[in-house]
Amino acid sequence: MKDAPSADVPSLLRSLEKGEPLPAYVIVGEEALLRTRAVRAIRERALEDGPEGFNEETFEGKGAKASTIIDAARTLPMMARRRFVLVRDADGLDAGELTQLATYLESPIDSACVVLVAEKLDGRSKLTKVAKAKGMLFEARPLKGAAVLRFVESEAKAKGKTLEGNVGGALVDALGEDLAALTDAVERLALYAGDRKAITLDDVAACITRARVETIWKLVDAISLRNSAEAAAALVSLLDDRSNALGLLSMIARQLRMVAKMRQALGEGRPTEEAAKIAGIPPFKAQAGRAAARAWTLPALEAAFLAIARAERSMKGSKVDAGDLLVELVLQLTQKQAA
């Protein structure tokens, strides 16, 4: 079985614009926004000709059984061409269940679209190998450099706007490479521009103020250093400024991923500047990154990522105010407990 070329989420989205959805997808990668957009686009195409709510099922990976997921896929669709079966956090499935799903992917049925989503999967597993060979594996890779600028431009274009001059670069300089934060910024800039087609640097100065940007970094730095007082003050300021809670959550997760990478690199004996480069931390923040890495143990980081994942699910599926959930999370993350 010869492997198909690896693909990413942007190529998946383009393929859905031109043709029918595949009978199965495995979407894996660190970039949560791209994973979410991929699932949304697949769902819309898979269910476009059927009645709302009759032909879809969603499973959480932990504790789920492959046989139940496969039975859901094999159930005949009602007044539609196909069913949509989503498995969130597929990396939580037991190894044996993943193997059974890999066997299903070898010969999936056309009357269903099964989507497995995970932040990370073992590339050596049968599931990953089968999905790649069948052209069903799509990676939600974090965007870097020029790709981030293209992303910002495409977000503006989707809202009927163009970016004048170095607006894209100014946004990336201010907010970093966090796609959720950039998406939120472009949306607010588009509303601010109103009937004007072009978004200008003056718009960026008015909507994405230096004070707000500094407050965002103060928040993520305070969380990294487990300074609950500073983190709470920064978060209250940002929420009062009507910042998007999911966007802030994404920035917190990104910061802690950098801390984890910095910690690993320092543990390997790398110099501070080299470790910062590996972690994606700007040179002027290298010493702060080192201090943050020292403030977190590996078990504490693992617990933090689990807490962030739970908060994200709650924000998307709960009626509880997202800001309240974020405050609760920040207080949890800044507790100086041994782990």
Foldseek 3Di string as FASTA:
>chain_A
DDFDDAAALVVLLVVLVPDADDQEAEEEAQQPVSLVVSLVSNVCRLCVQHDPPQAEDEAEQAPDALVVQLVSQPPAGDRGQAHEYEYEQVVNHDLVRLLVVLVCLLPPDRRYYYYYYHHDDPCPHSNNRSCRRVVRYHYHYQDDDPRLLVLLQVLLVVLQAGEPDCPSVVLCVLANSRSLQSSQQSVVQSVVCPPDRYRYPVSCCVLVPNVLSVLLVQLLLCLLLLPLVSNLVSLVVNVVVVRDLVSSLSVNLLSLQLLVQLLVCVVVVDDQQVSNVRSVHDNVCSVSSVSSNVQDDPVLSVVLVVLSVVLVCCCVPHPPDNSVSSSVSSNVSSDSDDD
